[in-house]
N, C-alpha and C. Protein backbone atom coordinates (compact mmCIF):
# COMPACT_ATOMS: atom_id res chain seq x y z
N MET A 1 -9.88 34.44 -61.40
CA MET A 1 -10.01 33.02 -61.15
C MET A 1 -10.67 32.78 -59.79
N ALA A 2 -11.68 33.56 -59.49
CA ALA A 2 -12.39 33.47 -58.22
C ALA A 2 -13.45 32.37 -58.29
N ILE A 3 -14.05 32.09 -57.16
CA ILE A 3 -15.13 31.13 -57.05
C ILE A 3 -16.39 31.89 -56.64
N THR A 4 -17.52 31.56 -57.22
CA THR A 4 -18.74 32.26 -56.85
C THR A 4 -19.28 31.69 -55.54
N GLN A 5 -20.11 32.48 -54.90
CA GLN A 5 -20.72 32.03 -53.65
C GLN A 5 -21.57 30.79 -53.90
N ASN A 6 -22.26 30.73 -55.04
CA ASN A 6 -23.08 29.56 -55.37
C ASN A 6 -22.22 28.32 -55.58
N GLU A 7 -21.07 28.47 -56.23
CA GLU A 7 -20.17 27.33 -56.43
C GLU A 7 -19.64 26.82 -55.09
N LEU A 8 -19.27 27.75 -54.22
CA LEU A 8 -18.78 27.37 -52.90
C LEU A 8 -19.85 26.62 -52.13
N GLU A 9 -21.05 27.16 -52.14
CA GLU A 9 -22.15 26.52 -51.42
C GLU A 9 -22.46 25.14 -52.01
N SER A 10 -22.42 25.00 -53.32
CA SER A 10 -22.69 23.71 -53.96
C SER A 10 -21.68 22.66 -53.53
N LEU A 11 -20.41 23.03 -53.48
CA LEU A 11 -19.37 22.09 -53.04
C LEU A 11 -19.62 21.65 -51.60
N LEU A 12 -19.94 22.61 -50.75
CA LEU A 12 -20.17 22.28 -49.33
C LEU A 12 -21.43 21.45 -49.15
N ARG A 13 -22.49 21.77 -49.88
CA ARG A 13 -23.74 21.01 -49.76
C ARG A 13 -23.59 19.59 -50.31
N ALA A 14 -22.75 19.41 -51.32
CA ALA A 14 -22.50 18.07 -51.84
C ALA A 14 -21.81 17.21 -50.78
N ALA A 15 -20.90 17.79 -50.03
CA ALA A 15 -20.17 17.06 -49.00
C ALA A 15 -20.96 16.90 -47.71
N PHE A 16 -21.80 17.90 -47.41
CA PHE A 16 -22.56 17.92 -46.16
C PHE A 16 -24.04 18.20 -46.46
N PRO A 17 -24.75 17.24 -47.06
CA PRO A 17 -26.12 17.49 -47.52
C PRO A 17 -27.12 17.83 -46.41
N ASP A 18 -26.84 17.42 -45.19
CA ASP A 18 -27.77 17.66 -44.08
C ASP A 18 -27.34 18.85 -43.22
N ALA A 19 -26.42 19.65 -43.72
CA ALA A 19 -25.85 20.76 -42.94
C ALA A 19 -26.67 22.03 -43.04
N ASP A 20 -26.56 22.84 -42.01
CA ASP A 20 -27.00 24.23 -42.05
C ASP A 20 -25.76 25.03 -42.45
N ILE A 21 -25.83 25.71 -43.59
CA ILE A 21 -24.67 26.42 -44.13
C ILE A 21 -25.04 27.87 -44.41
N THR A 22 -24.21 28.78 -43.91
CA THR A 22 -24.36 30.20 -44.20
C THR A 22 -23.02 30.71 -44.73
N ILE A 23 -23.06 31.32 -45.90
CA ILE A 23 -21.84 31.82 -46.53
C ILE A 23 -21.97 33.32 -46.75
N LYS A 24 -20.90 34.04 -46.46
CA LYS A 24 -20.86 35.49 -46.70
C LYS A 24 -19.62 35.82 -47.53
N ASP A 25 -19.81 36.67 -48.53
CA ASP A 25 -18.69 37.19 -49.32
C ASP A 25 -18.16 38.40 -48.56
N LEU A 26 -16.98 38.27 -48.00
CA LEU A 26 -16.44 39.29 -47.10
C LEU A 26 -15.91 40.53 -47.81
N ALA A 27 -15.45 40.37 -49.06
CA ALA A 27 -14.82 41.50 -49.74
C ALA A 27 -15.48 41.84 -51.07
N GLY A 28 -16.46 41.05 -51.49
CA GLY A 28 -17.12 41.31 -52.75
C GLY A 28 -16.29 40.94 -53.96
N ASP A 29 -15.22 40.17 -53.74
CA ASP A 29 -14.31 39.84 -54.83
C ASP A 29 -14.31 38.36 -55.21
N GLY A 30 -15.11 37.55 -54.53
CA GLY A 30 -15.15 36.13 -54.83
C GLY A 30 -13.93 35.37 -54.35
N ASP A 31 -13.08 35.99 -53.59
CA ASP A 31 -11.87 35.35 -53.07
C ASP A 31 -11.86 35.22 -51.55
N HIS A 32 -12.71 35.96 -50.87
CA HIS A 32 -12.70 36.02 -49.40
C HIS A 32 -14.11 35.78 -48.88
N TYR A 33 -14.30 34.62 -48.25
CA TYR A 33 -15.61 34.24 -47.73
C TYR A 33 -15.51 33.84 -46.27
N SER A 34 -16.66 33.86 -45.62
CA SER A 34 -16.80 33.20 -44.33
C SER A 34 -17.89 32.15 -44.51
N ALA A 35 -17.75 31.04 -43.81
CA ALA A 35 -18.74 29.97 -43.88
C ALA A 35 -19.02 29.45 -42.48
N ARG A 36 -20.30 29.39 -42.15
CA ARG A 36 -20.74 28.78 -40.90
C ARG A 36 -21.40 27.47 -41.30
N ILE A 37 -20.88 26.36 -40.78
CA ILE A 37 -21.37 25.04 -41.16
C ILE A 37 -21.68 24.25 -39.90
N ARG A 38 -22.91 23.79 -39.81
CA ARG A 38 -23.35 22.95 -38.70
C ARG A 38 -23.90 21.65 -39.30
N THR A 39 -23.27 20.53 -38.96
CA THR A 39 -23.68 19.25 -39.52
C THR A 39 -23.44 18.12 -38.52
N PRO A 40 -24.29 17.10 -38.54
CA PRO A 40 -24.05 15.93 -37.69
C PRO A 40 -22.72 15.24 -38.02
N ALA A 41 -22.19 15.44 -39.21
CA ALA A 41 -20.92 14.83 -39.60
C ALA A 41 -19.77 15.28 -38.70
N PHE A 42 -19.94 16.41 -38.02
CA PHE A 42 -18.88 16.95 -37.16
C PHE A 42 -18.94 16.43 -35.72
N VAL A 43 -19.98 15.68 -35.38
CA VAL A 43 -20.11 15.17 -34.02
C VAL A 43 -18.89 14.32 -33.66
N GLY A 44 -18.28 14.63 -32.54
CA GLY A 44 -17.13 13.88 -32.04
C GLY A 44 -15.81 14.22 -32.73
N LYS A 45 -15.84 15.16 -33.66
CA LYS A 45 -14.63 15.54 -34.38
C LYS A 45 -14.04 16.81 -33.76
N SER A 46 -12.71 16.88 -33.73
CA SER A 46 -12.05 18.08 -33.24
C SER A 46 -12.26 19.21 -34.25
N ARG A 47 -12.01 20.42 -33.83
CA ARG A 47 -12.13 21.57 -34.73
C ARG A 47 -11.20 21.41 -35.93
N VAL A 48 -10.00 20.91 -35.68
CA VAL A 48 -9.04 20.69 -36.77
C VAL A 48 -9.60 19.66 -37.76
N ALA A 49 -10.15 18.58 -37.26
CA ALA A 49 -10.72 17.55 -38.14
C ALA A 49 -11.91 18.10 -38.93
N GLN A 50 -12.73 18.94 -38.29
CA GLN A 50 -13.86 19.55 -38.99
C GLN A 50 -13.37 20.42 -40.15
N HIS A 51 -12.36 21.21 -39.90
CA HIS A 51 -11.83 22.09 -40.94
C HIS A 51 -11.17 21.28 -42.05
N GLN A 52 -10.50 20.19 -41.71
CA GLN A 52 -9.92 19.32 -42.73
C GLN A 52 -11.01 18.73 -43.61
N MET A 53 -12.15 18.39 -43.03
CA MET A 53 -13.28 17.86 -43.80
C MET A 53 -13.80 18.92 -44.78
N VAL A 54 -13.86 20.16 -44.33
CA VAL A 54 -14.32 21.26 -45.20
C VAL A 54 -13.32 21.47 -46.34
N TYR A 55 -12.04 21.50 -46.03
CA TYR A 55 -11.03 21.69 -47.07
C TYR A 55 -11.08 20.55 -48.09
N ALA A 56 -11.31 19.33 -47.64
CA ALA A 56 -11.43 18.19 -48.55
C ALA A 56 -12.64 18.38 -49.48
N ALA A 57 -13.72 18.93 -48.93
CA ALA A 57 -14.93 19.18 -49.73
C ALA A 57 -14.68 20.21 -50.83
N LEU A 58 -13.70 21.07 -50.63
CA LEU A 58 -13.41 22.13 -51.61
C LEU A 58 -12.57 21.62 -52.78
N GLN A 59 -12.17 20.37 -52.73
CA GLN A 59 -11.51 19.69 -53.85
C GLN A 59 -10.33 20.48 -54.44
N GLY A 60 -9.47 20.97 -53.57
CA GLY A 60 -8.24 21.62 -54.02
C GLY A 60 -8.39 23.08 -54.42
N ARG A 61 -9.56 23.68 -54.23
CA ARG A 61 -9.75 25.07 -54.63
C ARG A 61 -9.19 26.07 -53.62
N MET A 62 -8.99 25.62 -52.38
CA MET A 62 -8.44 26.51 -51.35
C MET A 62 -7.02 26.88 -51.72
N GLY A 63 -6.73 28.18 -51.73
CA GLY A 63 -5.40 28.65 -52.10
C GLY A 63 -5.26 28.92 -53.58
N GLY A 64 -6.25 28.50 -54.36
CA GLY A 64 -6.25 28.77 -55.79
C GLY A 64 -7.41 29.70 -56.11
N ALA A 65 -8.54 29.10 -56.50
CA ALA A 65 -9.74 29.88 -56.82
C ALA A 65 -10.28 30.59 -55.58
N LEU A 66 -10.00 30.02 -54.43
CA LEU A 66 -10.48 30.58 -53.16
C LEU A 66 -9.28 30.98 -52.32
N HIS A 67 -9.13 32.28 -52.10
CA HIS A 67 -7.96 32.79 -51.40
C HIS A 67 -8.09 32.67 -49.89
N ALA A 68 -9.26 33.01 -49.33
CA ALA A 68 -9.43 33.01 -47.88
C ALA A 68 -10.83 32.54 -47.51
N LEU A 69 -10.90 31.69 -46.49
CA LEU A 69 -12.17 31.19 -45.99
C LEU A 69 -12.12 31.14 -44.47
N ALA A 70 -12.88 32.00 -43.84
CA ALA A 70 -13.00 31.99 -42.38
C ALA A 70 -14.07 30.97 -42.01
N LEU A 71 -13.68 29.97 -41.25
CA LEU A 71 -14.61 28.88 -40.92
C LEU A 71 -15.13 28.98 -39.50
N ASP A 72 -16.41 28.69 -39.36
CA ASP A 72 -17.08 28.53 -38.07
C ASP A 72 -17.83 27.21 -38.20
N THR A 73 -17.26 26.15 -37.63
CA THR A 73 -17.84 24.81 -37.79
C THR A 73 -18.27 24.24 -36.46
N GLY A 74 -19.17 23.28 -36.52
CA GLY A 74 -19.60 22.58 -35.33
C GLY A 74 -20.71 21.61 -35.63
N PRO A 75 -21.00 20.74 -34.66
CA PRO A 75 -22.09 19.80 -34.85
C PRO A 75 -23.44 20.51 -34.94
N LYS A 76 -24.34 19.93 -35.68
CA LYS A 76 -25.69 20.46 -35.80
C LYS A 76 -26.49 20.05 -34.57
N ALA A 77 -27.16 21.00 -33.96
CA ALA A 77 -27.96 20.73 -32.77
C ALA A 77 -29.13 19.83 -33.13
N GLU A 78 -29.44 18.92 -32.27
CA GLU A 78 -30.57 18.02 -32.47
C GLU A 78 -31.86 18.73 -32.12
N GLY A 79 -32.91 18.33 -32.81
CA GLY A 79 -34.24 18.84 -32.47
C GLY A 79 -34.55 20.05 -33.19
């Protein structure tokens, strides 16, 4: 009941269409990923708020189809 890297990226891109997103499958099992997300949507938001926004974008899949997600979030640099 894993999630594919493409499915994960699609969910994140739907929530953050202007983001720079890099996803890595850490274990090759579809359950453990890392995601680097840079988007203007994170400007002025705390790290906790940024991560909450990412979890909301995953629509309840965290802890189910997706076992572990290491997040590296931040605002997208201008220019």
